C-alpha atoms as a PDB file:
ATOM      1  CA  UNK A   1      -5.723  14.359  -8.301  1.00  0.00           C
ATOM      2  CA  UNK A   2      -7.151  14.764  -4.829  1.00  0.00           C
ATOM      3  CA  UNK A   3      -7.235  11.394  -3.073  1.00  0.00           C
ATOM      4  CA  UNK A   4      -9.628  12.721  -0.423  1.00  0.00           C
ATOM      5  CA  UNK A   5     -12.424  12.587  -3.016  1.00  0.00           C
ATOM      6  CA  UNK A   6     -11.854   8.886  -3.792  1.00  0.00           C
ATOM      7  CA  UNK A   7     -13.505   5.886  -2.191  1.00  0.00           C
ATOM      8  CA  UNK A   8     -11.379   3.376  -0.311  1.00  0.00           C
ATOM      9  CA  UNK A   9     -11.571   0.932  -3.219  1.00  0.00           C
ATOM     10  CA  UNK A  10     -10.484   3.627  -5.676  1.00  0.00           C
ATOM     11  CA  UNK A  11      -7.547   4.498  -3.424  1.00  0.00           C
ATOM     12  CA  UNK A  12      -6.472   0.849  -3.258  1.00  0.00           C
ATOM     13  CA  UNK A  13      -6.803   0.557  -7.042  1.00  0.00           C
ATOM     14  CA  UNK A  14      -4.610   3.633  -7.427  1.00  0.00           C
ATOM     15  CA  UNK A  15      -1.963   2.150  -5.123  1.00  0.00           C
ATOM     16  CA  UNK A  16      -2.078  -1.078  -7.154  1.00  0.00           C
ATOM     17  CA  UNK A  17      -1.507   0.869 -10.378  1.00  0.00           C
ATOM     18  CA  UNK A  18       1.414   2.715  -8.807  1.00  0.00           C
ATOM     19  CA  UNK A  19       3.034  -0.542  -7.647  1.00  0.00           C
ATOM     20  CA  UNK A  20       2.481  -2.019 -11.124  1.00  0.00           C
ATOM     21  CA  UNK A  21       4.168   1.014 -12.686  1.00  0.00           C
ATOM     22  CA  UNK A  22       7.064   0.695 -10.212  1.00  0.00           C
ATOM     23  CA  UNK A  23       7.616  -2.932 -11.225  1.00  0.00           C
ATOM     24  CA  UNK A  24       7.389  -2.110 -14.941  1.00  0.00           C
ATOM     25  CA  UNK A  25       9.846   0.769 -14.612  1.00  0.00           C
ATOM     26  CA  UNK A  26      12.318  -1.296 -12.590  1.00  0.00           C
ATOM     27  CA  UNK A  27      12.033  -4.111 -15.147  1.00  0.00           C
ATOM     28  CA  UNK A  28      12.672  -1.727 -18.030  1.00  0.00           C
ATOM     29  CA  UNK A  29      15.798  -0.423 -16.303  1.00  0.00           C
ATOM     30  CA  UNK A  30      17.220  -3.683 -14.960  1.00  0.00           C
ATOM     31  CA  UNK A  31      15.622  -6.535 -16.989  1.00  0.00           C
ATOM     32  CA  UNK A  32      14.314  -8.291 -13.877  1.00  0.00           C
ATOM     33  CA  UNK A  33      13.377 -11.940 -13.595  1.00  0.00           C
ATOM     34  CA  UNK A  34       9.817 -12.852 -12.636  1.00  0.00           C
ATOM     35  CA  UNK A  35      11.001 -13.681  -9.120  1.00  0.00           C
ATOM     36  CA  UNK A  36      12.631 -10.241  -8.765  1.00  0.00           C
ATOM     37  CA  UNK A  37       9.466  -8.539  -9.999  1.00  0.00           C
ATOM     38  CA  UNK A  38       7.461 -10.426  -7.353  1.00  0.00           C
ATOM     39  CA  UNK A  39       9.896  -9.355  -4.641  1.00  0.00           C
ATOM     40  CA  UNK A  40       9.497  -5.689  -5.561  1.00  0.00           C
ATOM     41  CA  UNK A  41       5.690  -5.925  -5.710  1.00  0.00           C
ATOM     42  CA  UNK A  42       5.450  -7.835  -2.423  1.00  0.00           C
ATOM     43  CA  UNK A  43       7.737  -5.380  -0.622  1.00  0.00           C
ATOM     44  CA  UNK A  44       5.879  -2.347  -1.948  1.00  0.00           C
ATOM     45  CA  UNK A  45       2.471  -3.721  -0.975  1.00  0.00           C
ATOM     46  CA  UNK A  46       3.896  -4.950   2.319  1.00  0.00           C
ATOM     47  CA  UNK A  47       4.972  -1.411   3.144  1.00  0.00           C
ATOM     48  CA  UNK A  48       1.467  -0.099   2.503  1.00  0.00           C
ATOM     49  CA  UNK A  49      -0.002  -2.886   4.645  1.00  0.00           C
ATOM     50  CA  UNK A  50       2.436  -2.069   7.449  1.00  0.00           C
ATOM     51  CA  UNK A  51       1.244   1.558   7.493  1.00  0.00           C
ATOM     52  CA  UNK A  52      -2.418   0.490   7.613  1.00  0.00           C
ATOM     53  CA  UNK A  53      -1.694  -2.032  10.377  1.00  0.00           C
ATOM     54  CA  UNK A  54      -0.027   0.662  12.490  1.00  0.00           C
ATOM     55  CA  UNK A  55      -2.969   3.020  11.992  1.00  0.00           C
ATOM     56  CA  UNK A  56      -5.430   0.273  12.903  1.00  0.00           C
ATOM     57  CA  UNK A  57      -3.469  -0.622  16.029  1.00  0.00           C
ATOM     58  CA  UNK A  58      -3.299   3.031  17.121  1.00  0.00           C
ATOM     59  CA  UNK A  59      -7.036   3.478  16.579  1.00  0.00           C
ATOM     60  CA  UNK A  60      -7.818   0.251  18.442  1.00  0.00           C
ATOM     61  CA  UNK A  61      -5.660   1.362  21.370  1.00  0.00           C
ATOM     62  CA  UNK A  62      -7.289   4.782  21.398  1.00  0.00           C
ATOM     63  CA  UNK A  63     -10.755   3.240  21.397  1.00  0.00           C
ATOM     64  CA  UNK A  64      -9.891   0.904  24.263  1.00  0.00           C
ATOM     65  CA  UNK A  65      -8.805   3.874  26.387  1.00  0.00           C
ATOM     66  CA  UNK A  66     -11.650   6.190  25.299  1.00  0.00           C
ATOM     67  CA  UNK A  67     -14.588   3.823  25.026  1.00  0.00           C
ATOM     68  CA  UNK A  68     -17.064   6.611  24.218  1.00  0.00           C
ATOM     69  CA  UNK A  69     -15.578   6.916  20.681  1.00  0.00           C
END
């Protein structure tokens, strides 16, 4: 699958499915509690959010220096 052809919403849906599969796989291997499942999901989505936040900050900084963008 080529992610470049997907819309932003489709990409986010795909990430959500991947995180869901991660939690299900970890649960199957380790019989996690609900709290442990939440920790894994929150950390995985938090990592994605951290990447987007860094990109946004870099773009914002670039635009403040080069205002013609």
